[in-house]
Structure formats: C-alpha cells, structure tokens
C-alpha cells in the first residue's frame, strides 16, 4: 500500500505545489501531478515563473512522448498513465481515476487548502484511503508554519 501524505492548511495551493515539486525534483524523484485539464496551463506557467533564478524541469501531458519520458515532473489530467516510480500529487477534489481503478502508486501527496470547500472533499478522500489500507501521514502547515522548501 502507498503512503498518502495530506498537506493541510496550505495558504496558496499553486505556490506551495511549485515549492513541493521543486523539492521532489531536487531529491531525485519523479512526480506526476493530477489536476483538472483547465488547470494544467496555469500550473505550467507558475512553474516557469515562480523562481527567477532556476528552472524546475517539467512537461504537460500534451508534450511529445520523448519530452514526457525525460521530464521528472508531468502535469496531467486523471486519464494519463502514472509511471510506477512517480510520486503522485493529487490536486483534484476527488480520488484520481487511476487510483480508483487499482493502479498502484508508491507515494501520494494530497494538497489541501484552508478553504472549507477544499477541506470537506479532503476528509472524504482521507476516509477512502484509510478504507483501502493506505498508510496516512498528516502534515498540518498551520501547526508547523513552514512551507515546503
């Protein structure tokens, strides 16, 4: 079973996701970010602009296959296949289809803002992961007060 880490009380989802993806990449891991198709372009643009002095290598699901294969971070909708070695970062308000269909992920990260409209579905996802037997880890940003580096 996968470890599922919930990052709660995130003040700014996009900025936090950019920092988290940079951290995953710097640690030498691959990340597969699942989000609504309409949000892919916005996160792509944010990754290009969030740090003026560095580039976090990434691609979208619409990039050519050879680019996707070499990119440590892929931004995709829930229809895209998840590489077995990737950390799955869920930005959807529900369980991604790939997980509901039984595709194994080694590690999942759920990013949850302070907005109650985001927190209520996160509670449902927490219960689903628990019922599936996943190891749940809680990272409460309000308690630690530190963003992902």
N, C-alpha and C. Protein backbone atom coordinates (compact mmCIF):
# COMPACT_ATOMS: atom_id res chain seq x y z
N UNK A 1 0.83 -1.19 0.00
CA UNK A 1 0.00 0.00 0.00
C UNK A 1 0.88 1.26 0.00
N UNK A 2 0.34 2.27 -0.59
CA UNK A 2 1.09 3.53 -0.71
C UNK A 2 1.02 4.35 0.57
N UNK A 3 2.04 5.15 0.76
CA UNK A 3 1.97 6.17 1.79
C UNK A 3 1.23 7.35 1.18
N UNK A 4 0.23 7.86 1.89
CA UNK A 4 -0.54 9.00 1.41
C UNK A 4 -0.33 10.13 2.41
N UNK A 5 0.32 11.19 1.97
CA UNK A 5 0.60 12.34 2.82
C UNK A 5 -0.37 13.47 2.49
N UNK A 6 -1.12 13.89 3.48
CA UNK A 6 -2.02 15.02 3.33
C UNK A 6 -1.31 16.26 3.86
N UNK A 7 -1.17 17.27 3.02
CA UNK A 7 -0.59 18.55 3.42
C UNK A 7 -1.77 19.50 3.60
N UNK A 8 -2.13 19.74 4.87
CA UNK A 8 -3.32 20.54 5.22
C UNK A 8 -2.97 22.00 5.47
N UNK A 9 -3.98 22.84 5.36
CA UNK A 9 -3.88 24.28 5.66
C UNK A 9 -2.86 24.99 4.78
N UNK A 10 -2.83 24.61 3.52
CA UNK A 10 -1.95 25.26 2.54
C UNK A 10 -2.56 26.61 2.19
N UNK A 11 -1.84 27.71 2.43
CA UNK A 11 -2.42 29.03 2.17
C UNK A 11 -2.56 29.37 0.69
N UNK A 12 -1.63 28.90 -0.15
CA UNK A 12 -1.65 29.20 -1.58
C UNK A 12 -1.28 27.91 -2.31
N UNK A 13 -2.28 27.24 -2.89
CA UNK A 13 -2.06 25.93 -3.50
C UNK A 13 -1.00 25.96 -4.60
N UNK A 14 -1.05 26.95 -5.48
CA UNK A 14 -0.12 26.99 -6.61
C UNK A 14 1.31 27.20 -6.14
N UNK A 15 1.55 28.18 -5.30
CA UNK A 15 2.90 28.44 -4.82
C UNK A 15 3.44 27.25 -4.03
N UNK A 16 2.60 26.66 -3.19
CA UNK A 16 3.03 25.51 -2.41
C UNK A 16 3.35 24.33 -3.32
N UNK A 17 2.52 24.10 -4.32
CA UNK A 17 2.76 23.00 -5.25
C UNK A 17 4.08 23.20 -5.99
N UNK A 18 4.36 24.41 -6.41
CA UNK A 18 5.63 24.68 -7.09
C UNK A 18 6.82 24.36 -6.18
N UNK A 19 6.77 24.80 -4.93
CA UNK A 19 7.86 24.52 -4.00
C UNK A 19 7.98 23.03 -3.72
N UNK A 20 6.84 22.36 -3.57
CA UNK A 20 6.85 20.92 -3.32
C UNK A 20 7.45 20.16 -4.50
N UNK A 21 7.07 20.53 -5.71
CA UNK A 21 7.61 19.86 -6.89
C UNK A 21 9.11 20.10 -7.03
N UNK A 22 9.55 21.30 -6.71
CA UNK A 22 11.00 21.58 -6.72
C UNK A 22 11.71 20.66 -5.73
N UNK A 23 11.12 20.49 -4.56
CA UNK A 23 11.71 19.64 -3.52
C UNK A 23 11.75 18.17 -3.98
N UNK A 24 10.68 17.69 -4.58
CA UNK A 24 10.64 16.32 -5.09
C UNK A 24 11.72 16.13 -6.15
N UNK A 25 11.82 17.07 -7.08
CA UNK A 25 12.82 17.00 -8.15
C UNK A 25 14.24 17.04 -7.59
N UNK A 26 14.51 17.96 -6.67
CA UNK A 26 15.85 18.06 -6.08
C UNK A 26 16.24 16.79 -5.34
N UNK A 27 15.25 16.07 -4.82
CA UNK A 27 15.53 14.81 -4.11
C UNK A 27 15.75 13.65 -5.10
N UNK A 28 15.63 13.93 -6.39
CA UNK A 28 15.89 12.92 -7.40
C UNK A 28 14.70 12.04 -7.73
N UNK A 29 13.51 12.47 -7.38
CA UNK A 29 12.30 11.69 -7.65
C UNK A 29 11.54 12.26 -8.84
N UNK A 30 10.67 11.44 -9.39
CA UNK A 30 9.74 11.87 -10.44
C UNK A 30 8.41 12.20 -9.78
N UNK A 31 7.67 13.14 -10.36
CA UNK A 31 6.34 13.50 -9.85
C UNK A 31 5.35 13.48 -11.00
N UNK A 32 4.17 13.01 -10.70
CA UNK A 32 3.05 13.00 -11.65
C UNK A 32 1.94 13.79 -10.97
N UNK A 33 1.66 14.97 -11.48
CA UNK A 33 0.66 15.85 -10.87
C UNK A 33 -0.65 15.66 -11.61
N UNK A 34 -1.69 15.29 -10.86
CA UNK A 34 -3.01 15.08 -11.45
C UNK A 34 -3.87 16.29 -11.11
N UNK A 35 -4.40 16.94 -12.16
CA UNK A 35 -5.23 18.12 -11.96
C UNK A 35 -6.23 18.23 -13.10
N UNK A 36 -7.19 19.12 -12.93
CA UNK A 36 -8.17 19.35 -13.99
C UNK A 36 -7.45 19.85 -15.23
N UNK A 37 -7.95 19.44 -16.39
CA UNK A 37 -7.37 19.85 -17.66
C UNK A 37 -7.25 21.37 -17.75
N UNK A 38 -8.25 22.08 -17.26
CA UNK A 38 -8.26 23.54 -17.31
C UNK A 38 -7.16 24.16 -16.46
N UNK A 39 -6.63 23.43 -15.48
CA UNK A 39 -5.61 23.97 -14.58
C UNK A 39 -4.18 23.63 -14.99
N UNK A 40 -4.01 22.77 -15.98
CA UNK A 40 -2.67 22.35 -16.38
C UNK A 40 -1.84 23.54 -16.86
N UNK A 41 -2.42 24.37 -17.72
CA UNK A 41 -1.68 25.53 -18.26
C UNK A 41 -1.27 26.48 -17.13
N UNK A 42 -2.15 26.72 -16.18
CA UNK A 42 -1.84 27.66 -15.09
C UNK A 42 -0.67 27.15 -14.24
N UNK A 43 -0.65 25.86 -13.91
CA UNK A 43 0.47 25.33 -13.12
C UNK A 43 1.75 25.31 -13.94
N UNK A 44 1.63 24.99 -15.22
CA UNK A 44 2.78 25.03 -16.12
C UNK A 44 3.40 26.43 -16.10
N UNK A 45 2.58 27.45 -16.27
CA UNK A 45 3.07 28.83 -16.26
C UNK A 45 3.67 29.20 -14.90
N UNK A 46 3.05 28.76 -13.83
CA UNK A 46 3.56 29.06 -12.49
C UNK A 46 4.94 28.42 -12.26
N UNK A 47 5.13 27.20 -12.75
CA UNK A 47 6.44 26.55 -12.60
C UNK A 47 7.53 27.28 -13.37
N UNK A 48 7.17 27.90 -14.49
CA UNK A 48 8.14 28.68 -15.26
C UNK A 48 8.51 29.97 -14.54
N UNK A 49 7.58 30.53 -13.78
CA UNK A 49 7.77 31.88 -13.25
C UNK A 49 8.05 31.95 -11.75
N UNK A 50 7.88 30.90 -10.99
CA UNK A 50 7.92 31.05 -9.54
C UNK A 50 9.30 31.34 -8.97
N UNK A 51 10.37 30.93 -9.63
CA UNK A 51 11.72 31.21 -9.16
C UNK A 51 12.54 31.76 -10.33
N UNK A 52 12.90 33.02 -10.24
CA UNK A 52 13.58 33.68 -11.36
C UNK A 52 14.96 33.10 -11.67
N UNK A 53 15.62 32.53 -10.68
CA UNK A 53 16.99 32.08 -10.86
C UNK A 53 17.14 30.58 -11.11
N UNK A 54 16.02 29.88 -11.31
CA UNK A 54 16.14 28.44 -11.57
C UNK A 54 14.96 27.94 -12.39
N UNK A 55 15.12 26.75 -12.94
CA UNK A 55 14.07 26.12 -13.72
C UNK A 55 13.77 24.76 -13.11
N UNK A 56 12.52 24.49 -12.88
CA UNK A 56 12.09 23.18 -12.42
C UNK A 56 11.61 22.43 -13.66
N UNK A 57 12.36 21.42 -14.09
CA UNK A 57 12.02 20.73 -15.34
C UNK A 57 10.69 19.99 -15.24
N UNK A 58 9.83 20.25 -16.20
CA UNK A 58 8.51 19.65 -16.20
C UNK A 58 7.95 19.65 -17.62
N UNK A 59 6.89 18.89 -17.79
CA UNK A 59 6.20 18.84 -19.08
C UNK A 59 4.72 18.63 -18.81
N UNK A 60 3.91 18.92 -19.80
CA UNK A 60 2.49 18.64 -19.69
C UNK A 60 2.18 17.37 -20.49
N UNK A 61 1.02 16.83 -20.27
CA UNK A 61 0.62 15.62 -20.99
C UNK A 61 0.56 15.83 -22.49
N UNK A 62 0.54 17.08 -22.95
CA UNK A 62 0.44 17.38 -24.37
C UNK A 62 1.80 17.48 -25.05
N UNK A 63 2.88 17.37 -24.28
CA UNK A 63 4.23 17.43 -24.85
C UNK A 63 4.51 16.15 -25.65
N UNK A 64 5.45 16.22 -26.57
CA UNK A 64 5.81 15.00 -27.31
C UNK A 64 6.27 13.89 -26.35
N UNK A 65 6.11 12.66 -26.77
CA UNK A 65 6.42 11.50 -25.91
C UNK A 65 7.85 11.52 -25.40
N UNK A 66 8.81 11.90 -26.25
CA UNK A 66 10.20 11.90 -25.80
C UNK A 66 10.45 12.97 -24.73
N UNK A 67 9.72 14.07 -24.76
CA UNK A 67 9.84 15.11 -23.74
C UNK A 67 9.23 14.62 -22.43
N UNK A 68 8.04 14.03 -22.51
CA UNK A 68 7.39 13.49 -21.31
C UNK A 68 8.26 12.43 -20.65
N UNK A 69 8.89 11.58 -21.45
CA UNK A 69 9.72 10.50 -20.90
C UNK A 69 10.93 11.01 -20.14
N UNK A 70 11.45 12.16 -20.55
CA UNK A 70 12.65 12.71 -19.91
C UNK A 70 12.35 13.73 -18.83
N UNK A 71 11.11 14.12 -18.68
CA UNK A 71 10.76 15.14 -17.70
C UNK A 71 10.48 14.51 -16.34
N UNK A 72 11.13 15.01 -15.30
CA UNK A 72 10.91 14.44 -13.97
C UNK A 72 9.55 14.80 -13.37
N UNK A 73 8.89 15.81 -13.94
CA UNK A 73 7.59 16.24 -13.44
C UNK A 73 6.62 16.30 -14.63
N UNK A 74 5.50 15.61 -14.49
CA UNK A 74 4.49 15.63 -15.55
C UNK A 74 3.20 16.19 -14.97
N UNK A 75 2.61 17.15 -15.67
CA UNK A 75 1.32 17.73 -15.31
C UNK A 75 0.29 17.11 -16.24
N UNK A 76 -0.72 16.43 -15.65
CA UNK A 76 -1.65 15.69 -16.49
C UNK A 76 -3.03 15.60 -15.85
N UNK A 77 -4.02 15.30 -16.69
CA UNK A 77 -5.35 15.04 -16.15
C UNK A 77 -5.39 13.60 -15.64
N UNK A 78 -6.51 13.21 -15.09
CA UNK A 78 -6.57 11.89 -14.45
C UNK A 78 -6.65 10.73 -15.43
N UNK A 79 -6.71 11.01 -16.72
CA UNK A 79 -6.74 9.94 -17.73
C UNK A 79 -5.33 9.44 -18.06
N UNK A 80 -4.30 10.24 -17.78
CA UNK A 80 -2.93 9.89 -18.16
C UNK A 80 -2.37 8.80 -17.25
N UNK A 81 -1.59 7.91 -17.84
CA UNK A 81 -0.96 6.83 -17.09
C UNK A 81 0.09 7.40 -16.13
N UNK A 82 0.18 6.80 -14.96
CA UNK A 82 1.13 7.23 -13.93
C UNK A 82 2.31 6.27 -13.92
N UNK A 83 3.54 6.78 -14.09
CA UNK A 83 4.70 5.89 -14.00
C UNK A 83 4.80 5.28 -12.60
N UNK A 84 5.23 4.03 -12.54
CA UNK A 84 5.29 3.30 -11.27
C UNK A 84 6.23 3.96 -10.26
N UNK A 85 7.26 4.65 -10.75
CA UNK A 85 8.24 5.23 -9.84
C UNK A 85 7.93 6.68 -9.45
N UNK A 86 6.80 7.21 -9.90
CA UNK A 86 6.49 8.63 -9.66
C UNK A 86 5.73 8.83 -8.36
N UNK A 87 5.99 9.97 -7.73
CA UNK A 87 5.17 10.44 -6.62
C UNK A 87 3.93 11.07 -7.26
N UNK A 88 2.76 10.60 -6.88
CA UNK A 88 1.52 11.15 -7.44
C UNK A 88 1.06 12.30 -6.56
N UNK A 89 0.94 13.48 -7.13
CA UNK A 89 0.46 14.66 -6.41
C UNK A 89 -0.95 14.94 -6.91
N UNK A 90 -1.93 14.81 -6.01
CA UNK A 90 -3.33 14.99 -6.40
C UNK A 90 -3.81 16.40 -6.09
N UNK A 91 -4.22 17.11 -7.14
CA UNK A 91 -4.81 18.45 -6.98
C UNK A 91 -6.29 18.43 -7.34
N UNK A 92 -6.85 17.26 -7.49
CA UNK A 92 -8.28 17.12 -7.78
C UNK A 92 -9.08 17.09 -6.48
N UNK A 93 -10.36 17.42 -6.53
CA UNK A 93 -11.19 17.35 -5.32
C UNK A 93 -11.70 15.93 -5.03
N UNK A 94 -11.24 14.96 -5.82
CA UNK A 94 -11.67 13.58 -5.64
C UNK A 94 -10.49 12.64 -5.86
N UNK A 95 -10.70 11.36 -5.61
CA UNK A 95 -9.68 10.35 -5.85
C UNK A 95 -9.46 10.25 -7.36
N UNK A 96 -8.22 10.34 -7.83
CA UNK A 96 -7.97 10.20 -9.26
C UNK A 96 -8.42 8.82 -9.77
N UNK A 97 -8.93 8.78 -10.98
CA UNK A 97 -9.40 7.53 -11.57
C UNK A 97 -8.35 6.43 -11.54
N UNK A 98 -7.10 6.79 -11.77
CA UNK A 98 -6.05 5.77 -11.79
C UNK A 98 -5.96 5.04 -10.46
N UNK A 99 -6.20 5.75 -9.36
CA UNK A 99 -6.17 5.10 -8.05
C UNK A 99 -7.44 4.31 -7.80
N UNK A 100 -8.59 4.85 -8.21
CA UNK A 100 -9.85 4.12 -8.06
C UNK A 100 -9.84 2.83 -8.86
N UNK A 101 -9.11 2.83 -9.98
CA UNK A 101 -9.05 1.65 -10.84
C UNK A 101 -7.99 0.65 -10.37
N UNK A 102 -7.35 0.95 -9.26
CA UNK A 102 -6.41 -0.01 -8.68
C UNK A 102 -4.97 0.14 -9.13
N UNK A 103 -4.64 1.20 -9.87
CA UNK A 103 -3.26 1.41 -10.25
C UNK A 103 -2.47 1.74 -8.99
N UNK A 104 -1.39 1.03 -8.79
CA UNK A 104 -0.59 1.23 -7.58
C UNK A 104 0.31 2.45 -7.72
N UNK A 105 0.34 3.24 -6.69
CA UNK A 105 1.27 4.36 -6.60
C UNK A 105 2.10 4.12 -5.34
N UNK A 106 3.37 4.38 -5.44
CA UNK A 106 4.24 4.19 -4.28
C UNK A 106 3.99 5.23 -3.20
N UNK A 107 3.74 6.45 -3.65
CA UNK A 107 3.51 7.55 -2.71
C UNK A 107 2.53 8.53 -3.34
N UNK A 108 1.62 9.03 -2.52
CA UNK A 108 0.62 10.00 -2.97
C UNK A 108 0.71 11.21 -2.04
N UNK A 109 0.63 12.39 -2.62
CA UNK A 109 0.57 13.62 -1.83
C UNK A 109 -0.72 14.34 -2.19
N UNK A 110 -1.50 14.66 -1.17
CA UNK A 110 -2.74 15.42 -1.31
C UNK A 110 -2.48 16.82 -0.76
N UNK A 111 -2.79 17.84 -1.53
CA UNK A 111 -2.60 19.23 -1.08
C UNK A 111 -3.97 19.83 -0.81
N UNK A 112 -4.16 20.28 0.43
CA UNK A 112 -5.47 20.76 0.89
C UNK A 112 -5.32 22.18 1.42
N UNK A 113 -6.09 23.09 0.86
CA UNK A 113 -6.03 24.49 1.30
C UNK A 113 -6.84 24.69 2.59
N UNK A 114 -6.91 25.93 3.02
CA UNK A 114 -7.66 26.29 4.22
C UNK A 114 -9.14 26.48 3.93
N UNK A 115 -9.53 26.48 2.68
CA UNK A 115 -10.91 26.69 2.27
C UNK A 115 -11.76 25.46 2.60
N UNK A 116 -12.87 25.66 3.26
CA UNK A 116 -13.73 24.55 3.65
C UNK A 116 -14.24 23.78 2.43
N UNK A 117 -14.39 24.45 1.29
CA UNK A 117 -14.81 23.76 0.07
C UNK A 117 -13.75 22.77 -0.42
N UNK A 118 -12.54 22.96 0.02
CA UNK A 118 -11.44 22.05 -0.29
C UNK A 118 -11.27 21.00 0.82
N UNK A 119 -11.51 21.42 2.05
CA UNK A 119 -11.30 20.53 3.20
C UNK A 119 -12.34 19.41 3.28
N UNK A 120 -13.59 19.71 2.98
CA UNK A 120 -14.65 18.69 3.09
C UNK A 120 -14.38 17.50 2.14
N UNK A 121 -14.08 17.74 0.85
CA UNK A 121 -13.74 16.60 -0.01
C UNK A 121 -12.46 15.89 0.42
N UNK A 122 -11.53 16.64 1.02
CA UNK A 122 -10.29 16.01 1.51
C UNK A 122 -10.59 15.00 2.62
N UNK A 123 -11.56 15.33 3.45
CA UNK A 123 -11.95 14.38 4.50
C UNK A 123 -12.49 13.09 3.89
N UNK A 124 -13.25 13.22 2.80
CA UNK A 124 -13.77 12.03 2.11
C UNK A 124 -12.62 11.21 1.50
N UNK A 125 -11.65 11.91 0.91
CA UNK A 125 -10.51 11.20 0.34
C UNK A 125 -9.72 10.48 1.43
N UNK A 126 -9.54 11.14 2.58
CA UNK A 126 -8.84 10.54 3.71
C UNK A 126 -9.53 9.22 4.09
N UNK A 127 -10.85 9.26 4.21
CA UNK A 127 -11.60 8.04 4.58
C UNK A 127 -11.43 6.95 3.51
N UNK A 128 -11.44 7.34 2.25
CA UNK A 128 -11.28 6.35 1.18
C UNK A 128 -9.91 5.69 1.26
N UNK A 129 -8.86 6.51 1.41
CA UNK A 129 -7.51 5.95 1.51
C UNK A 129 -7.40 5.02 2.73
N UNK A 130 -7.95 5.43 3.85
CA UNK A 130 -7.91 4.61 5.06
C UNK A 130 -8.63 3.28 4.84
N UNK A 131 -9.78 3.32 4.17
CA UNK A 131 -10.54 2.10 3.90
C UNK A 131 -9.78 1.16 2.96
N UNK A 132 -8.92 1.72 2.12
CA UNK A 132 -8.12 0.90 1.20
C UNK A 132 -6.87 0.33 1.87
N UNK A 133 -6.59 0.78 3.09
CA UNK A 133 -5.43 0.28 3.83
C UNK A 133 -4.14 1.04 3.63
N UNK A 134 -4.21 2.24 3.06
CA UNK A 134 -3.01 3.04 2.85
C UNK A 134 -2.50 3.61 4.17
N UNK A 135 -1.20 3.83 4.23
CA UNK A 135 -0.59 4.47 5.39
C UNK A 135 -0.80 5.98 5.25
N UNK A 136 -1.50 6.59 6.19
CA UNK A 136 -1.82 8.02 6.11
C UNK A 136 -0.86 8.83 6.98
N UNK A 137 -0.38 9.93 6.40
CA UNK A 137 0.52 10.83 7.10
C UNK A 137 -0.08 12.22 7.01
N UNK A 138 -0.08 12.93 8.11
CA UNK A 138 -0.67 14.27 8.18
C UNK A 138 0.43 15.31 8.35
N UNK A 139 0.44 16.31 7.45
CA UNK A 139 1.35 17.45 7.55
C UNK A 139 0.47 18.70 7.66
N UNK A 140 0.34 19.23 8.85
CA UNK A 140 -0.50 20.40 9.08
C UNK A 140 0.36 21.64 9.04
N UNK A 141 0.24 22.42 7.97
CA UNK A 141 1.07 23.62 7.84
C UNK A 141 0.74 24.68 8.88
N UNK A 142 -0.49 24.68 9.39
CA UNK A 142 -0.84 25.63 10.44
C UNK A 142 -0.08 25.31 11.72
N UNK A 143 0.20 24.03 11.96
CA UNK A 143 0.91 23.62 13.17
C UNK A 143 2.41 23.88 13.05
N UNK A 144 2.98 23.66 11.87
CA UNK A 144 4.42 23.82 11.71
C UNK A 144 4.80 25.21 11.21
N UNK A 145 3.91 25.83 10.45
CA UNK A 145 4.16 27.18 9.96
C UNK A 145 5.26 27.29 8.93
N UNK A 146 5.67 26.17 8.33
CA UNK A 146 6.76 26.22 7.36
C UNK A 146 6.31 25.66 6.02
N UNK A 147 6.56 26.38 4.93
CA UNK A 147 6.23 25.85 3.61
C UNK A 147 7.24 24.82 3.16
N UNK A 148 6.89 24.06 2.14
CA UNK A 148 7.84 23.13 1.53
C UNK A 148 8.99 23.93 0.93
N UNK A 149 10.22 23.48 1.07
CA UNK A 149 11.35 24.24 0.54
C UNK A 149 11.56 23.96 -0.92
